[in-house]
Amino acid sequence: MKTYKNIYQEIISLENLFLAYKKARKGKTKKDYVKEFERDLENNLIILHEELKNKNYTPKPLKTFILRDPKTRKISKSNFRDRVVHHALVRIIEPIFDKTFIDSNCAGRKRKGTLFAINKFNLFFRKVTKNYSSKGYCFKADIKHYFQEVDHDVLLEIIKRKIKDEKVIWLINQIIKRERRGTIDY
């Protein structure tokens, strides 16, 4: 199995942080928190870079709110600067893990949107029903509070099999620990 070392510098590079910022702001350019971050964009990215470089980055508490669309859900939202860090991390490690997922996993993956999922479902359904000549069944499920309930230590061990860069593991752990620290309701 291929492992990855020395990728932390790539994650925290100013270029990657800038690209991550652009991804984090997509569709949110009119939001006050984005405008505030952009007022001193260069300095904010340098501060993030320095905090990450010196390993004194600490994510801010999550803000939670209730969304009713159509079912009631509790949503936890990261501070914008933390979302920039998330995107910076994902930009580098997503390609490492994406190729290990089964092809029909469409959850939040590039080029695996709704149309891909529908086409994949139709392919499976035709196969199961012998081209619609017999009955077929579909089981739809959602794991309630998955991220809160998943064993984070087990998740970290799975990540460590591929990522051998201790600084990257430290960063992932910072993000996971923030979830454990709790949230601010508003």
N, C-alpha and C. Protein backbone atom coordinates (compact mmCIF):
# COMPACT_ATOMS: atom_id res chain seq x y z
N MET A 1 0.85 -1.19 0.00
CA MET A 1 0.00 0.00 0.00
C MET A 1 0.89 1.24 0.00
N LYS A 2 0.58 2.16 -0.87
CA LYS A 2 1.34 3.40 -0.95
C LYS A 2 1.00 4.29 0.24
N THR A 3 2.04 4.88 0.83
CA THR A 3 1.83 5.82 1.93
C THR A 3 2.36 7.20 1.52
N TYR A 4 1.92 8.20 2.24
CA TYR A 4 2.25 9.59 1.90
C TYR A 4 2.91 10.27 3.09
N LYS A 5 4.11 10.79 2.83
CA LYS A 5 4.87 11.51 3.85
C LYS A 5 5.15 12.91 3.33
N ASN A 6 5.47 13.80 4.22
CA ASN A 6 5.91 15.15 3.83
C ASN A 6 4.91 15.89 2.95
N ILE A 7 3.63 15.81 3.27
CA ILE A 7 2.62 16.54 2.50
C ILE A 7 2.08 17.75 3.28
N TYR A 8 2.50 17.88 4.53
CA TYR A 8 2.00 18.99 5.35
C TYR A 8 2.35 20.35 4.76
N GLN A 9 3.58 20.48 4.28
CA GLN A 9 4.01 21.76 3.70
C GLN A 9 3.14 22.14 2.50
N GLU A 10 2.73 21.14 1.74
CA GLU A 10 1.85 21.38 0.60
C GLU A 10 0.47 21.86 1.07
N ILE A 11 -0.02 21.25 2.15
CA ILE A 11 -1.32 21.62 2.70
C ILE A 11 -1.32 23.06 3.19
N ILE A 12 -0.27 23.46 3.90
CA ILE A 12 -0.25 24.79 4.53
C ILE A 12 0.38 25.87 3.65
N SER A 13 0.77 25.52 2.44
CA SER A 13 1.37 26.53 1.57
C SER A 13 0.38 27.67 1.33
N LEU A 14 0.90 28.87 1.16
CA LEU A 14 0.03 30.02 0.91
C LEU A 14 -0.78 29.84 -0.36
N GLU A 15 -0.19 29.22 -1.37
CA GLU A 15 -0.92 28.97 -2.61
C GLU A 15 -2.12 28.05 -2.36
N ASN A 16 -1.91 26.98 -1.61
CA ASN A 16 -3.01 26.05 -1.32
C ASN A 16 -4.05 26.71 -0.43
N LEU A 17 -3.61 27.51 0.54
CA LEU A 17 -4.57 28.21 1.40
C LEU A 17 -5.41 29.20 0.59
N PHE A 18 -4.78 29.86 -0.38
CA PHE A 18 -5.54 30.79 -1.23
C PHE A 18 -6.57 30.04 -2.07
N LEU A 19 -6.17 28.92 -2.67
CA LEU A 19 -7.11 28.12 -3.47
C LEU A 19 -8.23 27.56 -2.58
N ALA A 20 -7.89 27.20 -1.36
CA ALA A 20 -8.88 26.69 -0.41
C ALA A 20 -9.87 27.80 -0.03
N TYR A 21 -9.34 29.01 0.17
CA TYR A 21 -10.20 30.16 0.47
C TYR A 21 -11.20 30.38 -0.67
N LYS A 22 -10.71 30.31 -1.92
CA LYS A 22 -11.61 30.51 -3.06
C LYS A 22 -12.71 29.45 -3.08
N LYS A 23 -12.36 28.21 -2.74
CA LYS A 23 -13.35 27.13 -2.70
C LYS A 23 -14.33 27.36 -1.55
N ALA A 24 -13.84 27.78 -0.40
CA ALA A 24 -14.69 27.99 0.77
C ALA A 24 -15.68 29.14 0.56
N ARG A 25 -15.31 30.13 -0.23
CA ARG A 25 -16.18 31.30 -0.44
C ARG A 25 -17.18 31.09 -1.57
N LYS A 26 -17.01 30.04 -2.34
CA LYS A 26 -17.87 29.80 -3.49
C LYS A 26 -19.35 29.76 -3.05
N GLY A 27 -20.15 30.62 -3.69
CA GLY A 27 -21.57 30.70 -3.37
C GLY A 27 -21.88 31.46 -2.09
N LYS A 28 -20.85 32.03 -1.46
CA LYS A 28 -21.06 32.72 -0.18
C LYS A 28 -20.44 34.12 -0.19
N THR A 29 -20.20 34.68 -1.36
CA THR A 29 -19.49 35.95 -1.46
C THR A 29 -20.21 37.13 -0.83
N LYS A 30 -21.50 37.01 -0.66
CA LYS A 30 -22.26 38.11 -0.07
C LYS A 30 -22.41 37.98 1.45
N LYS A 31 -21.94 36.90 2.01
CA LYS A 31 -22.05 36.68 3.46
C LYS A 31 -21.08 37.61 4.19
N ASP A 32 -21.54 38.12 5.31
CA ASP A 32 -20.72 39.06 6.10
C ASP A 32 -19.41 38.42 6.56
N TYR A 33 -19.45 37.17 6.98
CA TYR A 33 -18.23 36.54 7.49
C TYR A 33 -17.19 36.37 6.38
N VAL A 34 -17.63 36.20 5.14
CA VAL A 34 -16.69 36.11 4.01
C VAL A 34 -16.11 37.49 3.72
N LYS A 35 -16.97 38.51 3.69
CA LYS A 35 -16.50 39.87 3.45
C LYS A 35 -15.50 40.30 4.52
N GLU A 36 -15.77 39.94 5.76
CA GLU A 36 -14.87 40.29 6.86
C GLU A 36 -13.50 39.62 6.66
N PHE A 37 -13.48 38.36 6.29
CA PHE A 37 -12.23 37.65 6.05
C PHE A 37 -11.48 38.29 4.88
N GLU A 38 -12.22 38.71 3.85
CA GLU A 38 -11.61 39.28 2.64
C GLU A 38 -11.06 40.68 2.86
N ARG A 39 -11.56 41.39 3.87
CA ARG A 39 -11.07 42.76 4.12
C ARG A 39 -9.56 42.78 4.32
N ASP A 40 -9.05 41.73 4.95
CA ASP A 40 -7.61 41.62 5.18
C ASP A 40 -7.17 40.23 4.76
N LEU A 41 -7.53 39.87 3.54
CA LEU A 41 -7.32 38.51 3.03
C LEU A 41 -5.89 38.05 3.15
N GLU A 42 -4.98 38.84 2.64
CA GLU A 42 -3.57 38.42 2.64
C GLU A 42 -3.08 38.16 4.05
N ASN A 43 -3.37 39.08 4.95
CA ASN A 43 -2.94 38.93 6.34
C ASN A 43 -3.62 37.72 7.00
N ASN A 44 -4.91 37.53 6.75
CA ASN A 44 -5.62 36.38 7.33
C ASN A 44 -5.02 35.06 6.85
N LEU A 45 -4.66 34.98 5.58
CA LEU A 45 -4.05 33.75 5.07
C LEU A 45 -2.64 33.55 5.64
N ILE A 46 -1.90 34.65 5.80
CA ILE A 46 -0.56 34.55 6.40
C ILE A 46 -0.66 34.10 7.85
N ILE A 47 -1.62 34.64 8.59
CA ILE A 47 -1.82 34.23 9.99
C ILE A 47 -2.15 32.74 10.05
N LEU A 48 -3.07 32.30 9.20
CA LEU A 48 -3.42 30.87 9.17
C LEU A 48 -2.17 30.03 8.85
N HIS A 49 -1.42 30.46 7.85
CA HIS A 49 -0.20 29.74 7.46
C HIS A 49 0.76 29.64 8.64
N GLU A 50 0.98 30.75 9.34
CA GLU A 50 1.91 30.77 10.48
C GLU A 50 1.40 29.88 11.63
N GLU A 51 0.11 29.95 11.91
CA GLU A 51 -0.47 29.10 12.97
C GLU A 51 -0.29 27.63 12.62
N LEU A 52 -0.53 27.29 11.37
CA LEU A 52 -0.38 25.89 10.94
C LEU A 52 1.09 25.48 10.93
N LYS A 53 1.95 26.37 10.47
CA LYS A 53 3.39 26.07 10.42
C LYS A 53 3.94 25.84 11.82
N ASN A 54 3.51 26.67 12.78
CA ASN A 54 4.00 26.56 14.16
C ASN A 54 3.20 25.59 15.01
N LYS A 55 2.20 24.97 14.40
CA LYS A 55 1.32 24.01 15.07
C LYS A 55 0.63 24.61 16.31
N ASN A 56 0.24 25.88 16.20
CA ASN A 56 -0.57 26.46 17.28
C ASN A 56 -1.95 26.87 16.77
N TYR A 57 -2.35 26.25 15.67
CA TYR A 57 -3.70 26.44 15.12
C TYR A 57 -4.70 25.70 16.00
N THR A 58 -5.75 26.41 16.37
CA THR A 58 -6.84 25.80 17.12
C THR A 58 -8.15 26.23 16.46
N PRO A 59 -8.94 25.26 15.98
CA PRO A 59 -10.23 25.62 15.37
C PRO A 59 -11.15 26.28 16.40
N LYS A 60 -11.96 27.19 15.91
CA LYS A 60 -12.92 27.87 16.77
C LYS A 60 -14.11 26.92 17.02
N PRO A 61 -14.87 27.16 18.09
CA PRO A 61 -16.04 26.30 18.35
C PRO A 61 -17.04 26.35 17.19
N LEU A 62 -17.73 25.26 17.00
CA LEU A 62 -18.77 25.20 15.97
C LEU A 62 -19.96 26.02 16.41
N LYS A 63 -20.66 26.60 15.45
CA LYS A 63 -21.92 27.29 15.74
C LYS A 63 -23.03 26.37 15.28
N THR A 64 -24.02 26.18 16.12
CA THR A 64 -25.11 25.28 15.76
C THR A 64 -26.42 26.03 15.62
N PHE A 65 -27.26 25.49 14.75
CA PHE A 65 -28.59 26.04 14.57
C PHE A 65 -29.49 24.91 14.07
N ILE A 66 -30.78 25.14 14.15
CA ILE A 66 -31.77 24.15 13.73
C ILE A 66 -32.24 24.51 12.33
N LEU A 67 -32.27 23.53 11.45
CA LEU A 67 -32.76 23.72 10.08
C LEU A 67 -33.95 22.79 9.89
N ARG A 68 -35.01 23.33 9.35
CA ARG A 68 -36.21 22.53 9.06
C ARG A 68 -36.41 22.53 7.55
N ASP A 69 -35.90 21.50 6.87
CA ASP A 69 -35.93 21.48 5.41
C ASP A 69 -35.80 20.07 4.87
N PRO A 70 -36.76 19.26 4.70
CA PRO A 70 -38.09 19.30 5.28
C PRO A 70 -38.11 18.72 6.70
N LYS A 71 -37.09 17.90 7.04
CA LYS A 71 -37.08 17.39 8.41
C LYS A 71 -36.21 18.29 9.28
N THR A 72 -36.42 18.24 10.58
CA THR A 72 -35.66 19.05 11.51
C THR A 72 -34.28 18.43 11.72
N ARG A 73 -33.25 19.26 11.51
CA ARG A 73 -31.88 18.80 11.70
C ARG A 73 -31.09 19.84 12.47
N LYS A 74 -30.18 19.36 13.29
CA LYS A 74 -29.25 20.25 13.99
C LYS A 74 -28.01 20.36 13.12
N ILE A 75 -27.68 21.58 12.72
CA ILE A 75 -26.54 21.84 11.85
C ILE A 75 -25.43 22.49 12.67
N SER A 76 -24.22 22.00 12.51
CA SER A 76 -23.06 22.61 13.15
C SER A 76 -22.18 23.19 12.06
N LYS A 77 -21.85 24.46 12.21
CA LYS A 77 -21.13 25.19 11.17
C LYS A 77 -19.77 25.66 11.71
N SER A 78 -18.75 25.42 10.91
CA SER A 78 -17.40 25.87 11.27
C SER A 78 -17.24 27.34 10.97
N ASN A 79 -16.36 27.98 11.70
CA ASN A 79 -15.96 29.35 11.41
C ASN A 79 -15.34 29.37 10.01
N PHE A 80 -15.46 30.48 9.30
CA PHE A 80 -14.99 30.54 7.91
C PHE A 80 -13.50 30.23 7.80
N ARG A 81 -12.69 30.76 8.69
CA ARG A 81 -11.24 30.50 8.62
C ARG A 81 -10.96 29.01 8.77
N ASP A 82 -11.76 28.33 9.58
CA ASP A 82 -11.59 26.88 9.75
C ASP A 82 -12.01 26.15 8.48
N ARG A 83 -13.04 26.67 7.79
CA ARG A 83 -13.44 26.05 6.52
C ARG A 83 -12.33 26.18 5.48
N VAL A 84 -11.60 27.28 5.52
CA VAL A 84 -10.45 27.43 4.62
C VAL A 84 -9.44 26.32 4.91
N VAL A 85 -9.17 26.07 6.17
CA VAL A 85 -8.23 25.00 6.54
C VAL A 85 -8.77 23.64 6.09
N HIS A 86 -10.07 23.39 6.28
CA HIS A 86 -10.66 22.12 5.85
C HIS A 86 -10.45 21.92 4.35
N HIS A 87 -10.73 22.97 3.57
CA HIS A 87 -10.57 22.86 2.12
C HIS A 87 -9.10 22.66 1.74
N ALA A 88 -8.19 23.31 2.46
CA ALA A 88 -6.76 23.14 2.18
C ALA A 88 -6.35 21.69 2.42
N LEU A 89 -6.83 21.11 3.50
CA LEU A 89 -6.54 19.71 3.83
C LEU A 89 -7.15 18.78 2.78
N VAL A 90 -8.41 19.00 2.47
CA VAL A 90 -9.13 18.14 1.51
C VAL A 90 -8.51 18.21 0.12
N ARG A 91 -8.08 19.40 -0.29
CA ARG A 91 -7.48 19.54 -1.63
C ARG A 91 -6.30 18.58 -1.82
N ILE A 92 -5.58 18.31 -0.74
CA ILE A 92 -4.38 17.47 -0.85
C ILE A 92 -4.67 16.00 -0.55
N ILE A 93 -5.49 15.73 0.47
CA ILE A 93 -5.68 14.30 0.84
C ILE A 93 -6.84 13.62 0.12
N GLU A 94 -7.78 14.40 -0.42
CA GLU A 94 -8.91 13.77 -1.12
C GLU A 94 -8.46 12.83 -2.24
N PRO A 95 -7.53 13.25 -3.11
CA PRO A 95 -7.11 12.34 -4.19
C PRO A 95 -6.45 11.06 -3.66
N ILE A 96 -5.85 11.14 -2.49
CA ILE A 96 -5.21 9.96 -1.89
C ILE A 96 -6.26 8.91 -1.53
N PHE A 97 -7.36 9.36 -0.94
CA PHE A 97 -8.39 8.43 -0.47
C PHE A 97 -9.46 8.13 -1.51
N ASP A 98 -9.73 9.06 -2.40
CA ASP A 98 -10.83 8.89 -3.35
C ASP A 98 -10.68 7.61 -4.17
N LYS A 99 -9.48 7.31 -4.59
CA LYS A 99 -9.29 6.12 -5.43
C LYS A 99 -9.50 4.81 -4.67
N THR A 100 -9.60 4.87 -3.34
CA THR A 100 -9.83 3.65 -2.55
C THR A 100 -11.31 3.38 -2.32
N PHE A 101 -12.19 4.34 -2.65
CA PHE A 101 -13.62 4.17 -2.44
C PHE A 101 -14.23 3.33 -3.56
N ILE A 102 -15.31 2.63 -3.25
CA ILE A 102 -16.00 1.89 -4.30
C ILE A 102 -16.62 2.89 -5.27
N ASP A 103 -16.70 2.49 -6.51
CA ASP A 103 -17.16 3.38 -7.58
C ASP A 103 -18.56 3.92 -7.34
N SER A 104 -19.42 3.13 -6.73
CA SER A 104 -20.82 3.55 -6.57
C SER A 104 -21.04 4.42 -5.33
N ASN A 105 -19.99 4.74 -4.58
CA ASN A 105 -20.11 5.67 -3.46
C ASN A 105 -20.13 7.07 -4.05
N CYS A 106 -21.26 7.76 -3.92
CA CYS A 106 -21.44 9.07 -4.55
C CYS A 106 -21.45 10.21 -3.53
N ALA A 107 -21.22 9.93 -2.28
CA ALA A 107 -21.37 10.93 -1.23
C ALA A 107 -20.27 11.99 -1.29
N GLY A 108 -20.62 13.17 -1.80
CA GLY A 108 -19.71 14.31 -1.79
C GLY A 108 -18.44 14.13 -2.59
N ARG A 109 -18.50 13.38 -3.66
CA ARG A 109 -17.29 13.11 -4.46
C ARG A 109 -17.37 13.83 -5.80
N LYS A 110 -16.21 14.26 -6.27
CA LYS A 110 -16.13 14.93 -7.56
C LYS A 110 -16.58 14.00 -8.67
N ARG A 111 -17.33 14.56 -9.61
CA ARG A 111 -17.85 13.82 -10.77
C ARG A 111 -18.74 12.65 -10.36
N LYS A 112 -19.30 12.70 -9.15
CA LYS A 112 -20.20 11.65 -8.68
C LYS A 112 -21.46 12.29 -8.12
N GLY A 113 -22.05 13.18 -8.89
CA GLY A 113 -23.23 13.91 -8.43
C GLY A 113 -24.51 13.12 -8.59
N THR A 114 -25.61 13.83 -8.57
CA THR A 114 -26.93 13.22 -8.61
C THR A 114 -27.15 12.41 -9.87
N LEU A 115 -26.78 12.96 -11.02
CA LEU A 115 -26.98 12.23 -12.28
C LEU A 115 -26.18 10.92 -12.29
N PHE A 116 -24.94 10.97 -11.82
CA PHE A 116 -24.12 9.77 -11.74
C PHE A 116 -24.81 8.73 -10.84
N ALA A 117 -25.31 9.17 -9.69
CA ALA A 117 -25.96 8.27 -8.73
C ALA A 117 -27.23 7.65 -9.33
N ILE A 118 -28.02 8.46 -10.04
CA ILE A 118 -29.24 7.94 -10.67
C ILE A 118 -28.89 6.90 -11.74
N ASN A 119 -27.90 7.21 -12.55
CA ASN A 119 -27.48 6.26 -13.59
C ASN A 119 -26.94 4.97 -12.97
N LYS A 120 -26.19 5.08 -11.89
CA LYS A 120 -25.66 3.90 -11.20
C LYS A 120 -26.80 3.07 -10.61
N PHE A 121 -27.78 3.76 -10.00
CA PHE A 121 -28.95 3.08 -9.45
C PHE A 121 -29.69 2.33 -10.57
N ASN A 122 -29.94 3.01 -11.69
CA ASN A 122 -30.64 2.36 -12.81
C ASN A 122 -29.89 1.13 -13.32
N LEU A 123 -28.59 1.23 -13.39
CA LEU A 123 -27.77 0.09 -13.82
C LEU A 123 -27.97 -1.10 -12.88
N PHE A 124 -27.86 -0.83 -11.56
CA PHE A 124 -28.04 -1.90 -10.57
C PHE A 124 -29.47 -2.45 -10.61
N PHE A 125 -30.46 -1.54 -10.75
CA PHE A 125 -31.85 -1.97 -10.75
C PHE A 125 -32.16 -2.86 -11.96
N ARG A 126 -31.63 -2.50 -13.11
CA ARG A 126 -31.83 -3.33 -14.30
C ARG A 126 -31.19 -4.70 -14.11
N LYS A 127 -30.04 -4.72 -13.47
CA LYS A 127 -29.34 -5.99 -13.23
C LYS A 127 -30.14 -6.88 -12.27
N VAL A 128 -30.59 -6.29 -11.16
CA VAL A 128 -31.33 -7.04 -10.13
C VAL A 128 -32.66 -7.55 -10.67
N THR A 129 -33.34 -6.74 -11.48
CA THR A 129 -34.67 -7.13 -11.97
C THR A 129 -34.61 -7.87 -13.32
N LYS A 130 -33.40 -8.22 -13.71
CA LYS A 130 -33.20 -8.89 -15.00
C LYS A 130 -33.89 -8.08 -16.10
N ASN A 131 -33.48 -6.84 -16.18
CA ASN A 131 -33.99 -5.88 -17.16
C ASN A 131 -35.50 -5.65 -16.99
N TYR A 132 -35.90 -5.43 -15.73
CA TYR A 132 -37.27 -5.10 -15.34
C TYR A 132 -38.26 -6.26 -15.49
N SER A 133 -37.78 -7.48 -15.64
CA SER A 133 -38.69 -8.61 -15.80
C SER A 133 -39.09 -9.24 -14.47
N SER A 134 -38.48 -8.84 -13.38
CA SER A 134 -38.88 -9.33 -12.06
C SER A 134 -38.82 -8.18 -11.06
N LYS A 135 -39.28 -8.47 -9.83
CA LYS A 135 -39.30 -7.44 -8.79
C LYS A 135 -37.89 -7.15 -8.29
N GLY A 136 -37.70 -5.92 -7.87
CA GLY A 136 -36.46 -5.52 -7.23
C GLY A 136 -36.79 -4.60 -6.07
N TYR A 137 -35.92 -4.56 -5.10
CA TYR A 137 -36.14 -3.73 -3.93
C TYR A 137 -34.93 -2.84 -3.71
N CYS A 138 -35.21 -1.70 -3.12
CA CYS A 138 -34.15 -0.74 -2.83
C CYS A 138 -34.24 -0.37 -1.36
N PHE A 139 -33.13 -0.41 -0.69
CA PHE A 139 -33.07 -0.01 0.71
C PHE A 139 -32.36 1.33 0.78
N LYS A 140 -33.05 2.35 1.26
CA LYS A 140 -32.47 3.67 1.41
C LYS A 140 -32.26 3.91 2.90
N ALA A 141 -31.06 4.36 3.25
CA ALA A 141 -30.76 4.58 4.67
C ALA A 141 -29.88 5.81 4.83
N ASP A 142 -29.95 6.37 6.00
CA ASP A 142 -29.10 7.49 6.36
C ASP A 142 -28.63 7.21 7.78
N ILE A 143 -27.35 7.37 8.02
CA ILE A 143 -26.82 7.11 9.36
C ILE A 143 -26.93 8.40 10.17
N LYS A 144 -27.78 8.35 11.19
CA LYS A 144 -28.05 9.53 12.00
C LYS A 144 -26.80 9.97 12.76
N HIS A 145 -26.48 11.25 12.64
CA HIS A 145 -25.34 11.84 13.36
C HIS A 145 -24.05 11.06 13.12
N TYR A 146 -23.81 10.68 11.89
CA TYR A 146 -22.68 9.82 11.57
C TYR A 146 -21.36 10.35 12.12
N PHE A 147 -21.03 11.60 11.81
CA PHE A 147 -19.72 12.10 12.23
C PHE A 147 -19.58 12.13 13.74
N GLN A 148 -20.66 12.49 14.44
CA GLN A 148 -20.60 12.54 15.90
C GLN A 148 -20.48 11.13 16.49
N GLU A 149 -21.05 10.14 15.81
CA GLU A 149 -21.10 8.79 16.36
C GLU A 149 -19.93 7.90 15.93
N VAL A 150 -19.29 8.22 14.80
CA VAL A 150 -18.20 7.37 14.34
C VAL A 150 -17.06 7.43 15.38
N ASP A 151 -16.40 6.31 15.58
CA ASP A 151 -15.28 6.24 16.52
C ASP A 151 -14.10 6.98 15.90
N HIS A 152 -13.80 8.15 16.43
CA HIS A 152 -12.75 9.00 15.85
C HIS A 152 -11.37 8.36 15.95
N ASP A 153 -11.14 7.57 16.99
CA ASP A 153 -9.84 6.90 17.11
C ASP A 153 -9.66 5.86 16.01
N VAL A 154 -10.72 5.13 15.70
CA VAL A 154 -10.67 4.16 14.61
C VAL A 154 -10.47 4.89 13.28
N LEU A 155 -11.21 5.97 13.09
CA LEU A 155 -11.07 6.77 11.87
C LEU A 155 -9.63 7.25 11.70
N LEU A 156 -9.03 7.75 12.77
CA LEU A 156 -7.65 8.22 12.71
C LEU A 156 -6.68 7.09 12.37
N GLU A 157 -6.93 5.91 12.91
CA GLU A 157 -6.06 4.76 12.60
C GLU A 157 -6.14 4.38 11.12
N ILE A 158 -7.34 4.47 10.55
CA ILE A 158 -7.51 4.19 9.11
C ILE A 158 -6.74 5.22 8.29
N ILE A 159 -6.84 6.48 8.68
CA ILE A 159 -6.13 7.55 7.98
C ILE A 159 -4.62 7.33 8.08
N LYS A 160 -4.16 6.94 9.26
CA LYS A 160 -2.71 6.75 9.50
C LYS A 160 -2.12 5.63 8.64
N ARG A 161 -2.94 4.72 8.14
CA ARG A 161 -2.42 3.66 7.27
C ARG A 161 -1.85 4.24 5.98
N LYS A 162 -2.43 5.34 5.52
CA LYS A 162 -1.99 5.96 4.26
C LYS A 162 -1.15 7.21 4.49
N ILE A 163 -1.51 7.99 5.49
CA ILE A 163 -0.82 9.26 5.76
C ILE A 163 0.21 9.02 6.86
N LYS A 164 1.48 9.12 6.50
CA LYS A 164 2.56 8.89 7.47
C LYS A 164 3.23 10.19 7.88
N ASP A 165 2.55 11.30 7.67
CA ASP A 165 3.05 12.62 8.03
C ASP A 165 2.40 13.01 9.36
N GLU A 166 3.19 13.04 10.42
CA GLU A 166 2.66 13.30 11.76
C GLU A 166 2.00 14.69 11.87
N LYS A 167 2.48 15.64 11.10
CA LYS A 167 1.89 16.98 11.15
C LYS A 167 0.48 16.97 10.55
N VAL A 168 0.27 16.19 9.51
CA VAL A 168 -1.07 16.07 8.92
C VAL A 168 -2.00 15.39 9.92
N ILE A 169 -1.51 14.36 10.58
CA ILE A 169 -2.31 13.67 11.60
C ILE A 169 -2.65 14.64 12.73
N TRP A 170 -1.70 15.46 13.12
CA TRP A 170 -1.95 16.48 14.15
C TRP A 170 -3.09 17.40 13.72
N LEU A 171 -3.04 17.87 12.47
CA LEU A 171 -4.08 18.78 11.96
C LEU A 171 -5.44 18.11 11.95
N ILE A 172 -5.50 16.90 11.45
CA ILE A 172 -6.78 16.16 11.42
C ILE A 172 -7.30 15.99 12.84
N ASN A 173 -6.41 15.69 13.75
CA ASN A 173 -6.79 15.52 15.15
C ASN A 173 -7.32 16.82 15.75
N GLN A 174 -6.72 17.95 15.38
CA GLN A 174 -7.22 19.25 15.84
C GLN A 174 -8.67 19.45 15.41
N ILE A 175 -8.95 19.10 14.17
CA ILE A 175 -10.30 19.28 13.63
C ILE A 175 -11.28 18.33 14.33
N ILE A 176 -10.87 17.10 14.51
CA ILE A 176 -11.73 16.11 15.18
C ILE A 176 -11.96 16.49 16.64
N LYS A 177 -10.92 16.92 17.33
CA LYS A 177 -11.05 17.29 18.74
C LYS A 177 -12.01 18.46 18.92
N ARG A 178 -12.03 19.39 17.95
CA ARG A 178 -12.95 20.52 18.03
C ARG A 178 -14.38 20.02 18.12
N GLU A 179 -14.68 18.96 17.36
CA GLU A 179 -16.03 18.36 17.39
C GLU A 179 -16.34 17.88 18.80
N ARG A 180 -15.36 17.32 19.46
CA ARG A 180 -15.57 16.80 20.82
C ARG A 180 -15.72 17.92 21.84
N ARG A 181 -15.07 19.09 21.56
CA ARG A 181 -15.12 20.21 22.51
C ARG A 181 -16.48 20.86 22.59
N GLY A 182 -17.26 20.70 21.54
CA GLY A 182 -18.61 21.23 21.61
C GLY A 182 -18.86 22.40 20.69
N THR A 183 -20.00 23.03 20.90
CA THR A 183 -20.48 24.04 19.98
C THR A 183 -21.04 25.23 20.72
N ILE A 184 -21.26 26.28 19.97
CA ILE A 184 -21.93 27.47 20.48
C ILE A 184 -23.27 27.55 19.76
N ASP A 185 -24.35 27.64 20.53
CA ASP A 185 -25.67 27.76 19.89
C ASP A 185 -25.95 29.21 19.59
N TYR A 186 -26.59 29.44 18.45
CA TYR A 186 -27.04 30.79 18.10
C TYR A 186 -28.26 30.74 17.24
